[in-house]
Protein backbone atom coordinates (compact mmCIF):
# COMPACT_ATOMS: atom_id res chain seq x y z
CA LEU A 1 112.39 83.38 104.17
CA ILE A 2 115.14 86.11 104.78
CA SER A 3 116.95 87.21 107.57
CA GLY A 4 119.65 89.79 108.10
CA HIS A 5 122.90 88.74 110.16
CA GLY A 6 126.12 90.56 111.77
CA SER A 7 127.93 89.12 108.85
CA CYS A 8 127.05 92.18 106.64
CA LYS A 9 124.95 89.46 104.80
CA LEU A 10 121.05 88.94 104.06
CA ARG A 11 120.23 85.14 103.29
CA VAL A 12 117.06 83.76 101.44
CA TRP A 13 115.91 80.79 102.85
CA ASN A 14 113.83 78.21 101.22
CA VAL A 15 111.28 77.03 104.48
CA VAL A 16 110.89 73.53 102.48
CA THR A 17 113.58 72.39 102.55
CA GLY A 18 115.50 74.59 105.27
CA ALA A 19 118.50 75.32 102.79
CA CYS A 20 120.03 78.81 102.10
CA GLU A 21 119.75 79.37 98.42
CA GLN A 22 120.73 82.23 97.99
CA VAL A 23 123.16 84.81 100.09
CA LEU A 24 123.40 88.77 99.26
CA GLU A 25 126.59 90.98 99.98
CA GLU A 26 126.14 94.06 99.39
CA HIS A 27 126.10 95.94 102.91
CA THR A 28 129.20 96.92 104.95
CA ALA A 29 128.05 96.36 107.98
CA SER A 30 125.30 94.60 109.73
CA VAL A 31 122.26 94.10 108.78
CA TYR A 32 119.98 95.61 111.51
CA ALA A 33 116.35 95.56 109.48
CA LEU A 34 114.62 94.10 106.98
CA ALA A 35 111.37 94.87 105.56
CA VAL A 36 108.84 93.82 102.31
CA SER A 37 107.51 96.38 99.56
CA GLY A 38 105.90 94.33 96.75
CA SER A 39 108.16 92.58 95.05
CA ARG A 40 111.04 93.80 96.84
CA VAL A 41 113.06 93.47 99.79
CA VAL A 42 114.69 96.35 101.75
CA SER A 43 117.63 96.33 104.20
CA GLY A 44 119.01 98.63 106.88
CA SER A 45 122.43 98.32 108.07
CA GLY A 46 125.15 99.73 110.36
CA ASP A 47 127.21 101.02 106.94
CA GLU A 48 123.78 104.23 106.89
CA SER A 49 122.78 102.13 104.11
CA ILE A 50 119.40 100.73 102.42
CA LYS A 51 119.05 98.26 100.01
CA VAL A 52 116.31 97.94 97.37
CA TRP A 53 116.53 94.29 96.66
CA ALA A 54 114.02 92.67 93.56
CA MET A 55 113.17 89.10 94.73
CA GLY A 56 113.74 86.88 92.29
CA ALA A 57 111.73 83.20 92.59
CA ALA A 58 113.88 81.40 90.27
CA THR A 59 116.13 83.80 89.24
CA LEU A 60 118.80 85.38 91.54
CA TRP A 61 117.85 88.86 93.99
CA THR A 62 119.39 91.35 92.79
CA CYS A 63 120.56 94.58 94.41
CA GLU A 64 118.04 97.60 92.72
CA LYS A 65 119.45 100.95 94.45
CA THR A 66 121.53 102.00 97.44
CA LEU A 67 119.61 104.70 99.36
CA LEU A 68 122.18 107.30 101.14
CA GLY A 69 121.41 109.79 103.52
CA HIS A 70 121.44 108.63 106.84
CA GLU A 71 124.77 109.51 108.82
CA ASP A 72 124.24 107.04 111.40
CA HIS A 73 123.41 102.90 111.38
CA VAL A 74 119.72 102.11 110.10
CA ARG A 75 118.44 100.15 112.75
CA SER A 76 114.33 100.23 111.46
CA LEU A 77 112.41 99.78 108.61
CA ALA A 78 108.75 100.74 107.66
CA VAL A 79 106.73 100.61 104.43
CA TRP A 80 104.17 102.31 103.62
CA ARG A 81 102.05 102.92 99.63
CA GLY A 82 105.35 102.77 97.74
CA LYS A 83 107.54 104.29 100.85
CA VAL A 84 109.89 102.90 102.69
CA LEU A 85 110.90 104.68 106.15
CA SER A 86 114.31 103.93 108.12
CA GLY A 87 114.94 104.93 111.48
CA SER A 88 118.69 105.47 112.16
CA ASP A 89 120.74 106.05 114.71
CA ASP A 90 121.20 109.95 113.60
CA SER A 91 117.67 110.02 115.21
CA THR A 92 116.09 110.79 112.47
CA ILE A 93 113.17 108.60 110.56
CA ARG A 94 113.78 109.19 106.08
CA ALA A 95 111.06 108.57 104.37
CA TRP A 96 112.17 107.22 100.59
CA ASP A 97 110.15 106.40 97.36
CA VAL A 98 111.23 102.89 97.08
CA GLY A 99 110.72 102.38 93.23
CA THR A 100 113.32 105.75 92.34
CA GLY A 101 115.03 105.96 95.49
CA ALA A 102 114.11 109.70 95.79
CA LEU A 103 114.50 111.14 99.26
CA ASP A 104 110.19 112.58 100.08
CA ALA A 105 111.05 114.09 103.47
CA THR A 106 113.17 113.88 106.92
CA LEU A 107 111.43 113.87 109.87
CA ALA A 108 113.23 115.08 112.98
CA GLY A 109 112.27 115.32 116.69
CA HIS A 110 113.51 112.38 118.43
CA ASP A 111 116.71 113.34 120.55
CA LYS A 112 118.51 109.57 120.54
CA ARG A 113 118.47 106.51 117.68
CA VAL A 114 115.33 105.56 116.51
CA ASP A 115 114.71 101.88 117.02
CA GLY A 116 110.65 101.19 116.04
CA LEU A 117 108.70 101.88 113.49
CA ALA A 118 105.32 100.67 112.83
CA VAL A 119 102.36 101.55 110.15
CA HIS A 120 98.97 101.68 111.18
CA GLU A 121 97.25 103.45 108.36
CA ASP A 122 98.02 106.98 107.48
CA ARG A 123 100.41 107.35 110.94
CA LEU A 124 103.99 106.21 111.75
CA PHE A 125 104.89 105.20 115.02
CA SER A 126 108.41 105.78 116.00
CA ALA A 127 109.89 104.40 118.88
CA SER A 128 113.55 105.97 120.00
CA LEU A 129 116.18 105.70 123.19
CA ASP A 130 115.12 108.80 124.00
CA GLY A 131 111.97 107.01 125.74
CA THR A 132 109.41 108.72 123.64
CA ILE A 133 107.03 107.10 120.96
CA ARG A 134 105.85 109.96 118.02
CA VAL A 135 102.79 109.95 115.94
CA TRP A 136 103.55 110.91 112.48
CA ALA A 137 101.00 111.69 109.95
CA LEU A 138 102.05 109.93 106.45
CA GLY A 139 102.85 111.54 103.06
CA GLY A 140 101.68 115.28 102.70
CA THR A 141 103.05 116.90 105.54
CA TRP A 142 105.20 114.41 107.12
CA ALA A 143 103.68 116.68 110.59
CA ALA A 144 104.37 115.16 114.06
CA LEU A 145 100.86 114.62 115.82
CA GLN A 146 101.85 113.62 118.66
CA THR A 147 104.66 113.28 121.70
CA VAL A 148 104.03 110.39 124.21
CA ALA A 149 106.81 110.60 126.64
CA ARG A 150 107.89 107.61 128.98
CA ASP A 151 106.34 106.97 132.71
CA VAL A 152 109.21 108.26 135.14
CA CYS A 153 108.45 105.83 138.16
CA GLY A 154 110.37 107.88 141.25
């Protein structure tokens, strides 16, 4: 079990004993989002970075790489086919190759921060403080396919 904290740290917990087995201290601001991609954990933070951690069973976990490119807090993460998708207060979504750390795409369309990301098959759903949910094609064109606006009640 892994948890992120306002203390800038991640903690690795033993679910059997309840003991904290390791504290990961690479971020310099609150950790807002976590995702698992194969044998890696990915963390997003208020320091505008995404960290990729190698999970170790008997060894210490290590930060393999830092992904930089967002211009504000990283609030949400999702994974898809070796990619990590990150949503930020800068109103963008970025798609990264989790193995190489390369930026594959920047998805723009929201007017405010991106608070939630979810993947279903070959679609990405993003929820924003602008009151919309957007649907994106994953891979290839990374195109915006649909926008669902909130229902404004009078």
